[in-house]
Amino acid sequence: MDAAGGPAGSPGPRENATAPGIQLTGRGAILALLVLTFLGLLVSDLVGWGLLSNVTFVAACIAIACYARPTDLLPVTVCPPLAFFVACVCSKLITSAGGISAAEGILFTLATSAPWLFLGTAVTIVIALRRGLLDNIRVLRHDLQGQPDGAAPARARNIMGHGPDGVRARRR
C-alpha cells in the first residue's frame, strides 16, 4: 500500500482525475470552451431558448476543467468569463440586425446569464482545485520570485531603499 491508500505504484488521486488518454492543453481547452459556448449561443438564438446557451457553457466549463492537463489548470480556471463574453459578442454581431441591436443583445445576454457565468466559473475552480490548481499557484509564485531552487528569497526593499526593518541600505 502506498500513502494514497491504493496498491503500491498506483497513481494518486490527482494523477487519475482525467479520463484515460484524453488531455487538452490549456490553449486547446480554452479554444474548446470558446467554440462550445459560441455554438451554444448561436443555437439558442436560432431556437429561441436562452437556457440552452447557459447549460452549454456550464457543461463546457466542467469538460475543460476535467480534461485539461494538470499543469495548465491556472489559465483554464481564469478564462471562462472572458470566453463567454467573446462568444457572446461574436454571436450577437452575427445574428443581430444592426449595431444598436447587437449592443442591446450583448448586454441582455450578459445580464441574464450572470448566475450561469458564476456557476460555470465556480465549478471550474472547484474541479481544478481537486486536480491540483494549488500546485500550479505555488509553482507560479516560486517562478515569480526569481530564486533558484532552495535559495532563500532576498529581503525586499522599497523604492527609497529601506528594508522591512526600516533601515536604509548602504551604497557601496
Protein backbone atom coordinates (compact mmCIF):
# COMPACT_ATOMS: atom_id res chain seq x y z
CA MET A 1 0.00 0.00 0.00
CA ASP A 2 1.20 3.50 -0.75
CA ALA A 3 0.42 6.82 1.01
CA ALA A 4 -2.76 7.34 -1.04
CA GLY A 5 -4.21 4.09 0.24
CA GLY A 6 -4.02 2.24 -3.07
CA PRO A 7 -1.72 -0.52 -4.21
CA ALA A 8 1.94 0.40 -4.47
CA GLY A 9 2.71 2.07 -7.79
CA SER A 10 -0.89 3.13 -8.42
CA PRO A 11 -1.48 6.73 -9.49
CA GLY A 12 -2.57 9.18 -6.81
CA PRO A 13 -5.96 10.92 -6.90
CA ARG A 14 -4.64 13.91 -8.84
CA GLU A 15 -2.95 11.80 -11.49
CA ASN A 16 -6.11 9.77 -12.15
CA ALA A 17 -8.55 12.69 -12.29
CA THR A 18 -8.94 12.72 -16.10
CA ALA A 19 -10.25 10.14 -18.49
CA PRO A 20 -7.52 7.80 -19.68
CA GLY A 21 -5.73 9.07 -22.76
CA ILE A 22 -7.72 12.30 -23.18
CA GLN A 23 -5.98 15.51 -22.19
CA LEU A 24 -6.23 19.01 -23.56
CA THR A 25 -3.55 21.65 -23.45
CA GLY A 26 -4.51 24.91 -21.81
CA ARG A 27 -4.96 26.61 -25.18
CA GLY A 28 -6.95 23.68 -26.52
CA ALA A 29 -9.24 23.73 -23.50
CA ILE A 30 -9.80 27.48 -23.81
CA LEU A 31 -10.50 27.13 -27.54
CA ALA A 32 -12.94 24.28 -26.85
CA LEU A 33 -14.75 26.42 -24.28
CA LEU A 34 -14.93 29.34 -26.70
CA VAL A 35 -16.24 27.22 -29.59
CA LEU A 36 -18.78 25.30 -27.49
CA THR A 37 -20.07 28.50 -25.89
CA PHE A 38 -20.28 30.22 -29.28
CA LEU A 39 -22.20 27.31 -30.81
CA GLY A 40 -24.50 27.17 -27.77
CA LEU A 41 -25.27 30.88 -28.13
CA LEU A 42 -25.92 30.56 -31.87
CA VAL A 43 -28.24 27.57 -31.48
CA SER A 44 -30.08 29.18 -28.56
CA ASP A 45 -30.67 32.28 -30.70
CA LEU A 46 -32.00 30.14 -33.55
CA VAL A 47 -34.40 28.10 -31.42
CA GLY A 48 -35.27 30.94 -29.04
CA TRP A 49 -34.37 29.05 -25.89
CA GLY A 50 -31.82 31.03 -23.86
CA LEU A 51 -31.32 28.33 -21.25
CA LEU A 52 -29.55 26.19 -23.84
CA SER A 53 -26.58 28.56 -24.10
CA ASN A 54 -26.19 28.72 -20.33
CA VAL A 55 -26.31 24.95 -19.86
CA THR A 56 -23.85 24.52 -22.73
CA PHE A 57 -21.48 26.99 -21.08
CA VAL A 58 -21.57 25.21 -17.71
CA ALA A 59 -21.12 21.80 -19.40
CA ALA A 60 -18.15 23.16 -21.36
CA CYS A 61 -16.63 24.55 -18.14
CA ILE A 62 -16.92 21.13 -16.50
CA ALA A 63 -15.39 19.44 -19.54
CA ILE A 64 -12.38 21.74 -19.78
CA ALA A 65 -11.69 21.50 -16.05
CA CYS A 66 -11.78 17.70 -16.24
CA TYR A 67 -9.79 17.22 -19.44
CA ALA A 68 -7.14 19.97 -19.28
CA ARG A 69 -3.62 18.91 -18.39
CA PRO A 70 -2.95 19.44 -14.67
CA THR A 71 -0.09 21.80 -15.49
CA ASP A 72 -2.46 24.04 -17.50
CA LEU A 73 -5.19 24.45 -14.89
CA LEU A 74 -4.35 28.03 -13.96
CA PRO A 75 -5.23 29.64 -17.31
CA VAL A 76 -8.21 27.29 -17.69
CA THR A 77 -9.75 28.49 -14.42
CA VAL A 78 -9.31 32.16 -15.29
CA CYS A 79 -10.77 32.16 -18.80
CA PRO A 80 -14.50 31.16 -18.57
CA PRO A 81 -15.97 34.67 -18.13
CA LEU A 82 -13.80 36.11 -20.89
CA ALA A 83 -14.58 33.21 -23.23
CA PHE A 84 -18.32 33.71 -22.65
CA PHE A 85 -18.01 37.44 -23.34
CA VAL A 86 -16.08 36.92 -26.59
CA ALA A 87 -18.50 34.21 -27.75
CA CYS A 88 -21.47 36.43 -26.84
CA VAL A 89 -20.10 39.42 -28.77
CA CYS A 90 -19.34 37.30 -31.84
CA SER A 91 -22.70 35.54 -31.85
CA LYS A 92 -24.69 38.74 -31.36
CA LEU A 93 -22.77 40.53 -34.11
CA ILE A 94 -23.62 37.65 -36.45
CA THR A 95 -27.30 37.30 -35.51
CA SER A 96 -28.31 40.93 -34.87
CA ALA A 97 -29.76 43.33 -37.43
CA GLY A 98 -27.57 46.32 -36.57
CA GLY A 99 -25.13 47.95 -34.18
CA ILE A 100 -27.62 49.11 -31.55
CA SER A 101 -29.47 45.81 -31.72
CA ALA A 102 -26.20 43.90 -31.25
CA ALA A 103 -25.21 46.03 -28.26
CA GLU A 104 -28.63 45.51 -26.64
CA GLY A 105 -28.42 41.78 -27.30
CA ILE A 106 -24.95 41.55 -25.77
CA LEU A 107 -25.99 43.45 -22.64
CA PHE A 108 -29.22 41.48 -22.28
CA THR A 109 -27.45 38.14 -22.70
CA LEU A 110 -24.71 39.05 -20.22
CA ALA A 111 -27.29 40.26 -17.68
CA THR A 112 -29.49 37.18 -17.90
CA SER A 113 -26.52 34.79 -17.97
CA ALA A 114 -24.67 36.24 -14.97
CA PRO A 115 -25.71 33.50 -12.50
CA TRP A 116 -24.67 30.85 -15.02
CA LEU A 117 -21.33 32.60 -15.51
CA PHE A 118 -20.73 32.48 -11.75
CA LEU A 119 -21.79 28.84 -11.61
CA GLY A 120 -19.57 27.79 -14.52
CA THR A 121 -16.56 29.63 -13.12
CA ALA A 122 -17.11 28.27 -9.61
CA VAL A 123 -17.46 24.69 -10.86
CA THR A 124 -14.29 25.10 -12.93
CA ILE A 125 -12.38 26.34 -9.88
CA VAL A 126 -13.67 23.56 -7.63
CA ILE A 127 -12.73 20.85 -10.12
CA ALA A 128 -9.33 22.46 -10.77
CA LEU A 129 -8.63 22.67 -7.02
CA ARG A 130 -9.31 18.96 -6.77
CA ARG A 131 -6.96 18.29 -9.68
CA GLY A 132 -4.01 20.33 -8.38
CA LEU A 133 -4.59 24.04 -9.03
CA LEU A 134 -2.85 24.96 -5.78
CA ASP A 135 0.33 23.26 -7.02
CA ASN A 136 0.21 25.46 -10.13
CA ILE A 137 -0.17 28.56 -7.97
CA ARG A 138 2.83 27.50 -5.84
CA VAL A 139 4.96 26.99 -8.95
CA LEU A 140 3.89 30.37 -10.34
CA ARG A 141 4.68 32.08 -7.05
CA HIS A 142 8.11 30.41 -6.93
CA ASP A 143 8.85 31.36 -10.54
CA LEU A 144 7.83 34.98 -9.94
CA GLN A 145 10.23 35.25 -7.02
CA GLY A 146 13.07 34.54 -9.42
CA GLN A 147 15.06 32.45 -6.96
CA PRO A 148 16.83 29.24 -7.91
CA ASP A 149 15.61 26.11 -6.17
CA GLY A 150 16.46 26.11 -2.48
CA ALA A 151 17.79 29.68 -2.35
CA ALA A 152 16.43 31.93 0.34
CA PRO A 153 14.44 34.89 -1.02
CA ALA A 154 16.22 38.24 -0.92
CA ARG A 155 14.93 40.78 1.55
CA ALA A 156 12.59 43.18 -0.15
CA ARG A 157 13.38 46.88 -0.21
CA ASN A 158 11.00 49.67 -1.05
CA ILE A 159 11.62 52.41 -3.60
CA MET A 160 13.61 54.52 -1.11
CA GLY A 161 15.95 51.62 -0.35
CA HIS A 162 14.51 50.90 3.07
CA GLY A 163 14.17 47.26 4.08
CA PRO A 164 11.37 45.72 6.14
CA ASP A 165 13.20 46.79 9.31
CA GLY A 166 13.14 50.47 8.21
CA VAL A 167 16.94 50.69 7.76
CA ARG A 168 18.26 52.15 4.54
CA ALA A 169 20.71 50.05 2.58
CA ARG A 170 24.28 51.35 2.32
CA ARG A 171 25.67 52.20 -1.06
CA ARG A 172 28.97 50.65 -1.92
